[in-house]
Amino acid sequence: MDQEFLSLERELTVFLRRARANQAEMAREVHPDLESSAYGLLVRLGECGRQRATDLAAYIGVGKATMSRQLRALEELGLVAREPDPADGRAWLVHLTEEGRRRLGRVREARRATYVRRLAHWDRREVAELARLLHRLNTGMER
């Protein structure tokens, strides 16, 4: 009975447990006081540039109050800054500071090196296929 989906659920559970632990570790590497949940915000800002807080909240899947609290904490750590949105004077754009960009870049590069080392025995096509399938899974789960 749907053995493939039971196997998928089991493997995703293990994967997600490890991913949460890794995210907490990476957050501490960026800054000892950085909350694990805020690490994803830094990654999003690093990849997409300036964003409205409402867009970040929608992407991460949290409410405005949670987003405001996390952004305040990131500002206090000197990792992000806000600036008025030129397209809407009532809104603010959030972006990484140079310090935030430097710290995040260092941690992400170290993490990529770990993946390269741990998956060195994989064929590069397998790595690309895994990335493609994970992207497809993530896109499908958004719907």
C-alpha atoms as a PDB file:
ATOM      1  CA  MET A   1       0.000   0.000   0.000  1.00  0.00           C
ATOM      2  CA  ASP A   2       1.719   3.176  -1.231  1.00  0.00           C
ATOM      3  CA  GLN A   3       5.104   1.835  -0.113  1.00  0.00           C
ATOM      4  CA  GLU A   4       6.869   4.474  -2.211  1.00  0.00           C
ATOM      5  CA  PHE A   5       5.174   7.263  -0.264  1.00  0.00           C
ATOM      6  CA  LEU A   6       5.893   5.632   3.086  1.00  0.00           C
ATOM      7  CA  SER A   7       9.557   5.365   2.079  1.00  0.00           C
ATOM      8  CA  LEU A   8       9.515   8.983   0.944  1.00  0.00           C
ATOM      9  CA  GLU A   9       8.015  10.108   4.253  1.00  0.00           C
ATOM     10  CA  ARG A  10      10.623   8.156   6.243  1.00  0.00           C
ATOM     11  CA  GLU A  11      13.556   9.529   4.247  1.00  0.00           C
ATOM     12  CA  LEU A  12      12.223  13.097   4.365  1.00  0.00           C
ATOM     13  CA  THR A  13      11.801  12.835   8.133  1.00  0.00           C
ATOM     14  CA  VAL A  14      15.462  11.872   8.540  1.00  0.00           C
ATOM     15  CA  PHE A  15      16.527  14.525   6.021  1.00  0.00           C
ATOM     16  CA  LEU A  16      14.526  17.278   7.738  1.00  0.00           C
ATOM     17  CA  ARG A  17      15.810  16.350  11.181  1.00  0.00           C
ATOM     18  CA  ARG A  18      19.383  16.621   9.906  1.00  0.00           C
ATOM     19  CA  ALA A  19      18.598  19.827   8.011  1.00  0.00           C
ATOM     20  CA  ARG A  20      17.238  21.468  11.187  1.00  0.00           C
ATOM     21  CA  ALA A  21      20.353  20.480  13.106  1.00  0.00           C
ATOM     22  CA  ASN A  22      22.572  21.791  10.285  1.00  0.00           C
ATOM     23  CA  GLN A  23      20.623  25.052  10.108  1.00  0.00           C
ATOM     24  CA  ALA A  24      21.090  25.606  13.833  1.00  0.00           C
ATOM     25  CA  GLU A  25      24.822  24.958  13.464  1.00  0.00           C
ATOM     26  CA  MET A  26      25.121  27.301  10.472  1.00  0.00           C
ATOM     27  CA  ALA A  27      23.188  30.019  12.304  1.00  0.00           C
ATOM     28  CA  ARG A  28      25.628  29.824  15.235  1.00  0.00           C
ATOM     29  CA  GLU A  29      28.542  30.009  12.795  1.00  0.00           C
ATOM     30  CA  VAL A  30      27.131  33.215  11.272  1.00  0.00           C
ATOM     31  CA  HIS A  31      26.690  34.727  14.746  1.00  0.00           C
ATOM     32  CA  PRO A  32      26.524  33.011  18.159  1.00  0.00           C
ATOM     33  CA  ASP A  33      23.291  34.876  18.993  1.00  0.00           C
ATOM     34  CA  LEU A  34      21.536  34.176  15.682  1.00  0.00           C
ATOM     35  CA  GLU A  35      18.292  32.188  15.965  1.00  0.00           C
ATOM     36  CA  SER A  36      18.214  29.093  13.808  1.00  0.00           C
ATOM     37  CA  SER A  37      14.955  30.179  12.178  1.00  0.00           C
ATOM     38  CA  ALA A  38      16.461  33.499  11.066  1.00  0.00           C
ATOM     39  CA  TYR A  39      19.210  31.808   9.036  1.00  0.00           C
ATOM     40  CA  GLY A  40      16.796  31.200   6.153  1.00  0.00           C
ATOM     41  CA  LEU A  41      16.055  34.931   6.007  1.00  0.00           C
ATOM     42  CA  LEU A  42      19.727  35.684   5.540  1.00  0.00           C
ATOM     43  CA  VAL A  43      19.999  33.088   2.772  1.00  0.00           C
ATOM     44  CA  ARG A  44      16.942  34.522   1.002  1.00  0.00           C
ATOM     45  CA  LEU A  45      18.317  38.069   1.217  1.00  0.00           C
ATOM     46  CA  GLY A  46      21.702  36.857   0.014  1.00  0.00           C
ATOM     47  CA  GLU A  47      20.157  35.185  -3.016  1.00  0.00           C
ATOM     48  CA  CYS A  48      17.426  37.689  -3.896  1.00  0.00           C
ATOM     49  CA  GLY A  49      18.707  41.027  -2.618  1.00  0.00           C
ATOM     50  CA  ARG A  50      16.474  43.685  -1.128  1.00  0.00           C
ATOM     51  CA  GLN A  51      13.042  42.436  -0.069  1.00  0.00           C
ATOM     52  CA  ARG A  52       9.995  43.797   1.696  1.00  0.00           C
ATOM     53  CA  ALA A  53       9.370  42.261   5.090  1.00  0.00           C
ATOM     54  CA  THR A  54       5.928  41.125   3.921  1.00  0.00           C
ATOM     55  CA  ASP A  55       7.488  39.265   0.988  1.00  0.00           C
ATOM     56  CA  LEU A  56      10.018  37.616   3.296  1.00  0.00           C
ATOM     57  CA  ALA A  57       7.247  36.596   5.702  1.00  0.00           C
ATOM     58  CA  ALA A  58       5.237  35.059   2.858  1.00  0.00           C
ATOM     59  CA  TYR A  59       8.262  33.182   1.500  1.00  0.00           C
ATOM     60  CA  ILE A  60       9.293  31.808   4.900  1.00  0.00           C
ATOM     61  CA  GLY A  61       5.690  31.174   5.949  1.00  0.00           C
ATOM     62  CA  VAL A  62       5.502  33.247   9.141  1.00  0.00           C
ATOM     63  CA  GLY A  63       3.302  36.094  10.328  1.00  0.00           C
ATOM     64  CA  LYS A  64       4.128  39.791  10.429  1.00  0.00           C
ATOM     65  CA  ALA A  65       4.845  39.798  14.173  1.00  0.00           C
ATOM     66  CA  THR A  66       7.325  36.926  13.913  1.00  0.00           C
ATOM     67  CA  MET A  67       8.985  38.530  10.901  1.00  0.00           C
ATOM     68  CA  SER A  68       9.285  41.894  12.674  1.00  0.00           C
ATOM     69  CA  ARG A  69      10.850  40.249  15.719  1.00  0.00           C
ATOM     70  CA  GLN A  70      13.348  38.299  13.624  1.00  0.00           C
ATOM     71  CA  LEU A  71      14.299  41.343  11.543  1.00  0.00           C
ATOM     72  CA  ARG A  72      14.802  43.454  14.681  1.00  0.00           C
ATOM     73  CA  ALA A  73      17.104  40.773  16.072  1.00  0.00           C
ATOM     74  CA  LEU A  74      19.051  40.610  12.789  1.00  0.00           C
ATOM     75  CA  GLU A  75      19.386  44.394  12.761  1.00  0.00           C
ATOM     76  CA  GLU A  76      20.668  44.382  16.342  1.00  0.00           C
ATOM     77  CA  LEU A  77      23.300  41.822  15.326  1.00  0.00           C
ATOM     78  CA  GLY A  78      24.352  44.091  12.448  1.00  0.00           C
ATOM     79  CA  LEU A  79      23.477  41.504   9.795  1.00  0.00           C
ATOM     80  CA  VAL A  80      20.624  43.344   8.031  1.00  0.00           C
ATOM     81  CA  ALA A  81      19.501  46.925   7.568  1.00  0.00           C
ATOM     82  CA  ARG A  82      16.284  48.561   6.395  1.00  0.00           C
ATOM     83  CA  GLU A  83      15.780  51.395   3.965  1.00  0.00           C
ATOM     84  CA  PRO A  84      12.647  53.110   2.661  1.00  0.00           C
ATOM     85  CA  ASP A  85      11.124  51.476  -0.400  1.00  0.00           C
ATOM     86  CA  PRO A  86      11.373  54.040  -3.220  1.00  0.00           C
ATOM     87  CA  ALA A  87       8.265  52.500  -4.833  1.00  0.00           C
ATOM     88  CA  ASP A  88       6.165  52.874  -1.654  1.00  0.00           C
ATOM     89  CA  GLY A  89       7.067  55.418   1.016  1.00  0.00           C
ATOM     90  CA  ARG A  90       5.150  53.432   3.659  1.00  0.00           C
ATOM     91  CA  ALA A  91       7.170  50.249   3.139  1.00  0.00           C
ATOM     92  CA  TRP A  92      10.736  49.273   3.960  1.00  0.00           C
ATOM     93  CA  LEU A  93      13.221  47.130   2.084  1.00  0.00           C
ATOM     94  CA  VAL A  94      15.468  44.811   4.056  1.00  0.00           C
ATOM     95  CA  HIS A  95      18.962  43.929   2.870  1.00  0.00           C
ATOM     96  CA  LEU A  96      22.115  42.268   4.123  1.00  0.00           C
ATOM     97  CA  THR A  97      24.777  44.563   5.526  1.00  0.00           C
ATOM     98  CA  GLU A  98      28.335  44.063   4.335  1.00  0.00           C
ATOM     99  CA  GLU A  99      29.013  42.238   7.613  1.00  0.00           C
ATOM    100  CA  GLY A 100      25.958  40.049   7.069  1.00  0.00           C
ATOM    101  CA  ARG A 101      27.020  39.280   3.506  1.00  0.00           C
ATOM    102  CA  ARG A 102      30.571  38.426   4.618  1.00  0.00           C
ATOM    103  CA  ARG A 103      29.495  36.155   7.471  1.00  0.00           C
ATOM    104  CA  LEU A 104      26.801  34.385   5.455  1.00  0.00           C
ATOM    105  CA  GLY A 105      29.152  33.885   2.505  1.00  0.00           C
ATOM    106  CA  ARG A 106      31.817  32.339   4.709  1.00  0.00           C
ATOM    107  CA  VAL A 107      29.349  29.872   6.267  1.00  0.00           C
ATOM    108  CA  ARG A 108      27.703  28.934   2.977  1.00  0.00           C
ATOM    109  CA  GLU A 109      31.075  28.340   1.318  1.00  0.00           C
ATOM    110  CA  ALA A 110      32.121  26.071   4.183  1.00  0.00           C
ATOM    111  CA  ARG A 111      28.821  24.175   3.880  1.00  0.00           C
ATOM    112  CA  ARG A 112      29.289  23.717   0.106  1.00  0.00           C
ATOM    113  CA  ALA A 113      32.784  22.376   0.750  1.00  0.00           C
ATOM    114  CA  THR A 114      31.292  19.867   3.206  1.00  0.00           C
ATOM    115  CA  TYR A 115      28.796  18.692   0.573  1.00  0.00           C
ATOM    116  CA  VAL A 116      31.582  18.345  -1.993  1.00  0.00           C
ATOM    117  CA  ARG A 117      33.654  16.305   0.459  1.00  0.00           C
ATOM    118  CA  ARG A 118      30.793  14.075   1.663  1.00  0.00           C
ATOM    119  CA  LEU A 119      29.428  13.452  -1.829  1.00  0.00           C
ATOM    120  CA  ALA A 120      32.804  13.121  -3.582  1.00  0.00           C
ATOM    121  CA  HIS A 121      31.973   9.497  -4.456  1.00  0.00           C
ATOM    122  CA  TRP A 122      28.775  10.589  -6.244  1.00  0.00           C
ATOM    123  CA  ASP A 123      28.742  11.231  -9.945  1.00  0.00           C
ATOM    124  CA  ARG A 124      28.153  14.945 -10.640  1.00  0.00           C
ATOM    125  CA  ARG A 125      25.092  13.998 -12.696  1.00  0.00           C
ATOM    126  CA  GLU A 126      23.614  12.314  -9.601  1.00  0.00           C
ATOM    127  CA  VAL A 127      24.151  15.490  -7.584  1.00  0.00           C
ATOM    128  CA  ALA A 128      22.488  17.525 -10.340  1.00  0.00           C
ATOM    129  CA  GLU A 129      19.601  15.044 -10.483  1.00  0.00           C
ATOM    130  CA  LEU A 130      19.108  15.211  -6.714  1.00  0.00           C
ATOM    131  CA  ALA A 131      19.062  19.030  -6.870  1.00  0.00           C
ATOM    132  CA  ARG A 132      16.557  18.892  -9.740  1.00  0.00           C
ATOM    133  CA  LEU A 133      14.268  16.484  -7.886  1.00  0.00           C
ATOM    134  CA  LEU A 134      14.444  18.473  -4.641  1.00  0.00           C
ATOM    135  CA  HIS A 135      13.576  21.624  -6.589  1.00  0.00           C
ATOM    136  CA  ARG A 136      10.635  19.815  -8.164  1.00  0.00           C
ATOM    137  CA  LEU A 137       9.513  18.591  -4.722  1.00  0.00           C
ATOM    138  CA  ASN A 138       9.792  22.101  -3.220  1.00  0.00           C
ATOM    139  CA  THR A 139       7.885  23.627  -6.120  1.00  0.00           C
ATOM    140  CA  GLY A 140       5.172  20.975  -5.868  1.00  0.00           C
ATOM    141  CA  MET A 141       4.795  21.528  -2.115  1.00  0.00           C
ATOM    142  CA  GLU A 142       4.220  25.271  -2.619  1.00  0.00           C
ATOM    143  CA  ARG A 143       0.921  24.577  -4.363  1.00  0.00           C
END
